[in-house]
N, C-alpha and C. Protein backbone atom coordinates (compact mmCIF):
# COMPACT_ATOMS: atom_id res chain seq x y z
N UNK A 1 190.77 -8.79 201.88
CA UNK A 1 191.21 -7.58 201.20
C UNK A 1 192.54 -8.08 200.56
N UNK A 2 192.59 -7.55 199.28
CA UNK A 2 194.01 -7.71 198.46
C UNK A 2 194.57 -6.35 198.00
N UNK A 3 195.84 -6.70 197.99
CA UNK A 3 196.63 -5.27 197.60
C UNK A 3 197.65 -5.65 196.41
N UNK A 4 197.84 -4.77 195.56
CA UNK A 4 198.80 -5.08 194.49
C UNK A 4 200.24 -4.72 194.89
N UNK A 5 201.12 -5.67 194.68
CA UNK A 5 202.32 -5.54 195.16
C UNK A 5 203.32 -6.01 193.91
N UNK A 6 203.95 -5.24 193.20
CA UNK A 6 204.93 -5.63 192.16
C UNK A 6 204.08 -6.24 190.93
N UNK A 7 202.90 -5.86 190.69
CA UNK A 7 201.98 -6.44 189.71
C UNK A 7 201.50 -7.93 190.27
N UNK A 8 201.69 -8.20 191.43
CA UNK A 8 201.21 -9.62 191.84
C UNK A 8 200.19 -9.18 193.01
N UNK A 9 198.90 -9.70 192.96
CA UNK A 9 197.91 -9.62 193.95
C UNK A 9 198.33 -10.52 195.05
N UNK A 10 198.33 -10.02 196.33
CA UNK A 10 198.70 -10.95 197.37
C UNK A 10 197.62 -10.61 198.45
N UNK A 11 197.19 -11.67 199.13
CA UNK A 11 196.00 -11.36 200.13
C UNK A 11 196.60 -11.33 201.49
N UNK A 12 196.18 -10.18 202.32
CA UNK A 12 196.44 -9.89 203.59
C UNK A 12 196.13 -11.21 204.45
N UNK A 13 197.05 -11.74 205.18
CA UNK A 13 196.83 -13.04 205.86
C UNK A 13 198.00 -13.00 207.04
N UNK A 14 197.49 -13.94 208.05
CA UNK A 14 198.51 -14.03 209.16
C UNK A 14 199.64 -14.87 208.85
N UNK A 15 199.93 -15.23 207.66
CA UNK A 15 201.16 -15.96 207.33
C UNK A 15 202.21 -14.82 207.03
N UNK A 16 201.99 -13.53 207.09
CA UNK A 16 203.00 -12.51 206.81
C UNK A 16 204.14 -12.52 207.76
N UNK A 17 205.24 -12.28 207.53
CA UNK A 17 206.34 -12.23 208.24
C UNK A 17 206.80 -10.84 208.22
N UNK A 18 206.80 -10.19 209.40
CA UNK A 18 207.29 -8.87 209.71
C UNK A 18 208.65 -8.64 210.00
N UNK A 19 209.30 -7.43 209.38
CA UNK A 19 210.65 -7.17 209.84
C UNK A 19 210.63 -6.30 211.20
N UNK A 20 211.85 -6.11 211.65
CA UNK A 20 211.87 -5.30 212.93
C UNK A 20 211.36 -3.84 212.65
N UNK A 21 211.43 -3.32 211.55
CA UNK A 21 210.86 -2.06 211.09
C UNK A 21 209.53 -2.10 211.18
N UNK A 22 208.86 -3.08 210.62
CA UNK A 22 207.31 -3.32 210.57
C UNK A 22 206.66 -3.49 212.20
N UNK A 23 207.43 -4.27 212.86
CA UNK A 23 207.05 -4.46 214.31
C UNK A 23 207.14 -3.22 215.24
N UNK A 24 208.14 -2.38 214.80
CA UNK A 24 208.34 -1.09 215.58
C UNK A 24 207.19 -0.21 215.07
N UNK A 25 206.90 -0.27 213.77
CA UNK A 25 205.66 0.64 213.34
C UNK A 25 204.41 0.28 214.14
N UNK A 26 204.10 -0.97 214.22
CA UNK A 26 202.87 -1.56 214.89
C UNK A 26 202.82 -1.23 216.28
N UNK A 27 203.97 -1.18 217.03
CA UNK A 27 204.15 -0.88 218.29
C UNK A 27 204.44 0.66 218.71
N UNK A 28 204.72 1.30 217.81
CA UNK A 28 204.92 2.78 217.66
C UNK A 28 206.25 2.93 218.66
N UNK A 29 207.16 2.08 218.42
CA UNK A 29 208.55 2.45 219.18
C UNK A 29 209.63 2.44 217.97
N UNK A 30 210.83 2.45 218.50
CA UNK A 30 211.92 2.43 217.37
C UNK A 30 212.31 1.15 217.27
N UNK A 31 213.05 0.79 216.13
CA UNK A 31 213.60 -0.36 215.80
C UNK A 31 214.53 -0.82 217.07
N UNK A 32 215.33 0.17 217.60
CA UNK A 32 216.14 -0.24 218.66
C UNK A 32 215.51 -0.79 219.87
N UNK A 33 214.34 -0.09 220.16
CA UNK A 33 213.21 -0.46 221.20
C UNK A 33 212.82 -1.81 220.95
N UNK A 34 212.50 -2.19 219.87
CA UNK A 34 212.16 -3.70 219.51
C UNK A 34 213.28 -4.66 219.88
N UNK A 35 214.37 -4.35 219.41
CA UNK A 35 215.54 -5.15 219.92
C UNK A 35 215.82 -5.26 221.54
N UNK A 36 215.66 -3.98 222.15
CA UNK A 36 215.74 -4.09 223.45
C UNK A 36 214.77 -5.00 224.27
N UNK A 37 213.58 -4.74 223.83
CA UNK A 37 212.37 -5.74 224.34
C UNK A 37 212.83 -6.98 224.29
N UNK A 38 213.10 -7.49 223.03
CA UNK A 38 213.42 -8.83 222.85
C UNK A 38 214.54 -9.37 223.57
N UNK A 39 215.55 -8.62 223.86
CA UNK A 39 216.74 -8.83 224.64
C UNK A 39 216.15 -9.16 226.23
N UNK A 40 215.23 -8.37 226.55
CA UNK A 40 214.83 -8.13 227.97
C UNK A 40 213.70 -9.39 228.23
N UNK A 41 213.31 -10.02 226.96
CA UNK A 41 212.27 -11.16 227.06
C UNK A 41 210.77 -10.55 227.15
N UNK A 42 210.62 -9.22 226.72
CA UNK A 42 209.26 -8.42 226.83
C UNK A 42 208.61 -8.76 225.44
N UNK A 43 209.20 -9.25 224.51
CA UNK A 43 208.60 -9.29 223.16
C UNK A 43 209.08 -10.69 222.51
N UNK A 44 208.14 -11.25 221.76
CA UNK A 44 208.60 -12.55 221.14
C UNK A 44 209.78 -12.69 220.40
N UNK A 45 210.38 -13.78 220.47
CA UNK A 45 211.70 -14.00 219.68
C UNK A 45 211.27 -14.06 218.11
N UNK A 46 212.26 -13.38 217.28
CA UNK A 46 211.88 -13.51 215.97
C UNK A 46 212.41 -14.97 215.41
N UNK A 47 211.88 -15.24 214.21
CA UNK A 47 212.31 -16.33 213.48
C UNK A 47 213.20 -15.99 212.51
N UNK A 48 214.38 -16.76 212.42
CA UNK A 48 215.50 -16.45 211.49
C UNK A 48 215.39 -16.93 210.22
N UNK A 49 215.28 -16.51 209.28
CA UNK A 49 215.32 -17.09 207.81
C UNK A 49 216.53 -16.66 207.20
N UNK A 50 217.57 -17.39 207.35
CA UNK A 50 218.85 -17.23 207.18
C UNK A 50 219.41 -16.30 208.20
N UNK A 51 219.86 -15.36 207.77
CA UNK A 51 220.43 -14.11 208.79
C UNK A 51 219.29 -12.95 209.03
N UNK A 52 218.17 -13.48 208.33
CA UNK A 52 217.14 -12.44 208.36
C UNK A 52 216.20 -12.44 209.57
N UNK A 53 215.96 -11.70 210.47
CA UNK A 53 214.89 -11.77 211.52
C UNK A 53 213.67 -11.29 211.12
N UNK A 54 212.61 -12.26 211.34
CA UNK A 54 211.18 -12.06 210.89
C UNK A 54 210.28 -12.55 212.32
N UNK A 55 209.05 -11.79 212.26
CA UNK A 55 208.21 -12.12 213.30
C UNK A 55 206.87 -12.48 212.48
N UNK A 56 206.38 -13.67 212.83
CA UNK A 56 205.13 -13.90 212.23
C UNK A 56 204.02 -13.06 212.62
N UNK A 57 203.28 -12.41 211.70
CA UNK A 57 202.19 -11.76 212.14
C UNK A 57 201.32 -12.31 213.05
N UNK A 58 200.91 -13.51 212.94
CA UNK A 58 199.87 -14.21 213.81
C UNK A 58 200.46 -14.37 215.11
N UNK A 59 201.81 -14.58 215.23
CA UNK A 59 202.40 -14.57 216.62
C UNK A 59 202.32 -13.25 217.33
N UNK A 60 202.58 -12.33 216.60
CA UNK A 60 202.45 -10.86 217.24
C UNK A 60 201.25 -10.49 217.52
N UNK A 61 200.06 -10.77 216.82
CA UNK A 61 198.68 -10.35 217.18
C UNK A 61 198.35 -11.27 218.39
N UNK A 62 198.76 -12.70 218.53
CA UNK A 62 198.37 -13.44 219.62
C UNK A 62 198.98 -12.64 220.89
N UNK A 63 200.43 -12.31 220.89
CA UNK A 63 200.97 -11.72 221.88
C UNK A 63 200.23 -10.32 222.37
N UNK A 64 199.83 -9.58 221.37
CA UNK A 64 198.99 -8.43 221.67
C UNK A 64 197.82 -8.75 222.27
N UNK A 65 196.97 -9.76 221.70
CA UNK A 65 195.68 -10.11 222.13
C UNK A 65 195.67 -10.55 223.74
N UNK A 66 196.84 -11.02 224.30
CA UNK A 66 197.16 -11.50 225.58
C UNK A 66 197.64 -10.42 226.51
N UNK A 67 197.71 -9.22 225.96
CA UNK A 67 198.01 -8.13 226.69
C UNK A 67 199.51 -7.64 226.80
N UNK A 68 200.42 -8.17 225.72
CA UNK A 68 201.67 -8.15 225.81
C UNK A 68 202.45 -8.58 226.91
N UNK A 69 202.26 -9.88 227.24
CA UNK A 69 202.98 -10.40 228.53
C UNK A 69 204.59 -10.69 228.26
N UNK A 70 205.18 -10.65 229.32
CA UNK A 70 206.71 -11.11 228.95
C UNK A 70 206.65 -12.58 228.38
N UNK A 71 207.70 -12.89 227.68
CA UNK A 71 207.91 -14.07 226.80
C UNK A 71 207.65 -15.42 227.68
N UNK A 72 208.09 -15.28 228.83
CA UNK A 72 207.91 -16.62 229.73
C UNK A 72 206.55 -16.77 230.17
N UNK A 73 205.60 -15.88 230.02
CA UNK A 73 204.07 -16.07 230.20
C UNK A 73 203.24 -16.02 229.10
N UNK A 74 203.98 -16.08 228.10
CA UNK A 74 203.25 -16.11 226.79
C UNK A 74 202.44 -17.51 226.45
N UNK A 75 201.24 -17.55 226.37
CA UNK A 75 200.46 -18.74 226.23
C UNK A 75 200.42 -19.13 224.68
N UNK A 76 200.86 -20.28 224.18
CA UNK A 76 200.89 -20.50 222.93
C UNK A 76 199.94 -21.76 222.49
């Protein structure tokens, strides 16, 4: 599936990087809840691009497919 974004067609793929707002929307929690879960070790750590925190969509999907385990039990 493709979507048009600013006149550029982009393919939906697992290489997408999600913001804290995107993660919150997928998990149906608040953005603050995302950061709380990260600090408690319940959500995968974000990847920092400069000062911007981003989560790879593929990593978030893997975490959800494994039943949302704590970070120390996450299989990579």
